[in-house]
């Protein structure tokens, strides 16, 4: 934290009133892997315990997709809701691999906050003759005050 000008911060805690230190690296660690196929369940729910909020911090997917009519683009949908209100949808489009026309991958840092989270599969382009994705998410569970 930067302070303007000559400002300082003084903390006067004694050993009996120590400032609590919490390691957030592993606290509430969460990860899940979901297998999605075209024609399967529209959205698959991710179990989030009552009183907890999921913070998704990393997303990765590996997809196989083909279409008889031409090009296809798999799309992974993350549908979240927060505080019992309407949802937010995040559309993730993996990148086609140059050496395999039917392979698509993506891995990246994200920030998705959810009290409820569902993950589904869609596409752009021609209707798939085959499409399947493995989706991995990781992050942490935090208590809702």
Protein backbone atom coordinates (compact mmCIF):
# COMPACT_ATOMS: atom_id res chain seq x y z
CA UNK A 1 0.00 0.00 0.00
CA UNK A 2 1.30 3.44 -0.85
CA UNK A 3 0.62 6.38 1.38
CA UNK A 4 0.42 9.95 0.22
CA UNK A 5 3.00 12.42 1.44
CA UNK A 6 4.25 11.96 5.02
CA UNK A 7 1.44 9.68 6.20
CA UNK A 8 2.32 6.63 8.26
CA UNK A 9 0.48 3.70 9.75
CA UNK A 10 1.22 2.54 13.30
CA UNK A 11 -0.01 -0.78 14.64
CA UNK A 12 0.14 -1.10 18.43
CA UNK A 13 -0.69 -4.71 19.08
CA UNK A 14 0.64 -6.70 22.00
CA UNK A 15 1.41 -10.45 21.87
CA UNK A 16 -1.91 -11.09 23.62
CA UNK A 17 -3.70 -9.03 20.92
CA UNK A 18 -1.77 -10.23 17.88
CA UNK A 19 -3.02 -9.52 14.39
CA UNK A 20 -4.40 -12.81 13.01
CA UNK A 21 -2.57 -14.15 9.99
CA UNK A 22 -4.36 -16.47 7.56
CA UNK A 23 -2.78 -18.28 4.65
CA UNK A 24 -5.18 -17.91 1.73
CA UNK A 25 -3.15 -20.10 -0.60
CA UNK A 26 -4.76 -23.32 0.61
CA UNK A 27 -7.67 -22.06 2.71
CA UNK A 28 -10.90 -23.36 1.19
CA UNK A 29 -9.10 -24.76 -1.87
CA UNK A 30 -11.55 -25.99 -4.51
CA UNK A 31 -11.22 -27.79 -7.82
CA UNK A 32 -13.57 -29.71 -10.07
CA UNK A 33 -13.47 -31.45 -13.43
CA UNK A 34 -16.58 -31.73 -15.60
CA UNK A 35 -17.03 -33.83 -18.73
CA UNK A 36 -19.43 -32.29 -21.25
CA UNK A 37 -20.78 -33.80 -24.47
CA UNK A 38 -22.96 -32.36 -27.21
CA UNK A 39 -26.51 -33.63 -26.75
CA UNK A 40 -25.88 -34.32 -23.06
CA UNK A 41 -27.22 -32.41 -20.06
CA UNK A 42 -27.57 -28.73 -20.92
CA UNK A 43 -25.95 -27.38 -17.74
CA UNK A 44 -24.17 -29.30 -14.99
CA UNK A 45 -24.31 -27.79 -11.51
CA UNK A 46 -21.23 -27.44 -9.33
CA UNK A 47 -21.88 -28.24 -5.67
CA UNK A 48 -21.23 -25.22 -3.46
CA UNK A 49 -21.88 -25.77 0.26
CA UNK A 50 -24.50 -23.59 1.97
CA UNK A 51 -22.98 -20.47 3.52
CA UNK A 52 -20.04 -20.56 1.09
CA UNK A 53 -19.19 -18.66 -2.08
CA UNK A 54 -17.03 -20.12 -4.82
CA UNK A 55 -14.32 -17.92 -6.30
CA UNK A 56 -13.16 -19.52 -9.56
CA UNK A 57 -9.62 -18.36 -10.25
CA UNK A 58 -8.44 -20.68 -13.02
CA UNK A 59 -10.23 -22.26 -15.98
CA UNK A 60 -8.94 -24.88 -18.42
CA UNK A 61 -10.63 -26.88 -21.14
CA UNK A 62 -9.72 -29.40 -23.79
CA UNK A 63 -12.31 -30.10 -26.48
CA UNK A 64 -12.75 -32.32 -29.52
CA UNK A 65 -15.30 -31.21 -32.09
CA UNK A 66 -16.18 -31.92 -35.69
CA UNK A 67 -19.00 -30.98 -38.05
CA UNK A 68 -19.84 -32.48 -41.45
CA UNK A 69 -20.93 -29.13 -42.93
CA UNK A 70 -17.85 -27.04 -42.16
CA UNK A 71 -16.20 -25.13 -39.34
CA UNK A 72 -17.29 -25.45 -35.73
CA UNK A 73 -16.33 -23.54 -32.59
CA UNK A 74 -17.01 -25.09 -29.17
CA UNK A 75 -18.17 -22.64 -26.50
CA UNK A 76 -18.14 -23.37 -22.76
CA UNK A 77 -20.72 -21.48 -20.68
CA UNK A 78 -20.26 -20.66 -16.99
CA UNK A 79 -23.58 -19.51 -15.54
CA UNK A 80 -23.31 -18.03 -12.05
CA UNK A 81 -25.62 -16.32 -9.60
CA UNK A 82 -24.74 -14.27 -6.56
CA UNK A 83 -26.80 -13.34 -3.48
CA UNK A 84 -29.88 -15.09 -4.90
CA UNK A 85 -30.12 -12.54 -7.70
CA UNK A 86 -30.05 -13.02 -11.44
CA UNK A 87 -27.09 -14.64 -13.02
CA UNK A 88 -24.08 -13.67 -15.03
CA UNK A 89 -23.00 -15.76 -18.00
CA UNK A 90 -19.41 -16.14 -19.08
CA UNK A 91 -18.76 -17.55 -22.58
CA UNK A 92 -15.37 -19.17 -23.07
CA UNK A 93 -14.14 -20.05 -26.57
CA UNK A 94 -11.16 -22.40 -26.69
CA UNK A 95 -8.57 -21.96 -29.44
CA UNK A 96 -8.33 -24.41 -32.34
CA UNK A 97 -5.01 -26.22 -32.35
CA UNK A 98 -2.93 -25.76 -35.51
CA UNK A 99 -1.88 -29.41 -35.81
CA UNK A 100 -5.32 -30.96 -35.18
CA UNK A 101 -8.36 -29.29 -36.75
CA UNK A 102 -10.74 -31.06 -34.35
CA UNK A 103 -8.90 -30.08 -31.10
CA UNK A 104 -9.51 -26.92 -29.09
CA UNK A 105 -7.84 -25.87 -25.84
CA UNK A 106 -7.70 -22.97 -23.43
CA UNK A 107 -6.28 -22.34 -19.98
CA UNK A 108 -6.36 -18.97 -18.27
CA UNK A 109 -6.81 -17.09 -15.04
CA UNK A 110 -10.36 -15.87 -14.43
CA UNK A 111 -12.43 -14.31 -11.64
CA UNK A 112 -15.94 -15.71 -11.33
CA UNK A 113 -17.86 -15.34 -8.05
CA UNK A 114 -20.75 -17.71 -7.48
CA UNK A 115 -23.19 -18.88 -4.84
CA UNK A 116 -24.56 -21.15 -7.58
CA UNK A 117 -22.57 -22.23 -10.66
CA UNK A 118 -23.50 -24.33 -13.68
CA UNK A 119 -21.29 -25.22 -16.63
CA UNK A 120 -22.56 -26.14 -20.08
CA UNK A 121 -21.52 -26.65 -23.69
CA UNK A 122 -22.57 -24.85 -26.84
CA UNK A 123 -21.16 -24.12 -30.26
CA UNK A 124 -20.93 -21.63 -33.10
CA UNK A 125 -20.82 -22.61 -36.74
CA UNK A 126 -22.09 -25.88 -38.16
CA UNK A 127 -23.97 -28.42 -36.03
CA UNK A 128 -21.47 -30.86 -34.54
CA UNK A 129 -21.38 -34.51 -35.50
CA UNK A 130 -19.26 -34.93 -32.36
CA UNK A 131 -18.28 -32.56 -29.57
CA UNK A 132 -16.93 -33.22 -26.08
CA UNK A 133 -15.02 -31.04 -23.60
CA UNK A 134 -13.23 -31.67 -20.36
CA UNK A 135 -13.48 -28.56 -18.18
CA UNK A 136 -11.34 -27.98 -15.09
CA UNK A 137 -11.88 -25.14 -12.65
CA UNK A 138 -9.98 -24.27 -9.52
CA UNK A 139 -10.25 -21.59 -6.90
CA UNK A 140 -11.44 -21.36 -3.33
CA UNK A 141 -14.51 -21.41 -1.15
CA UNK A 142 -15.01 -18.43 1.14
CA UNK A 143 -17.53 -18.03 3.94
CA UNK A 144 -20.40 -15.64 3.33
CA UNK A 145 -20.70 -13.28 6.31
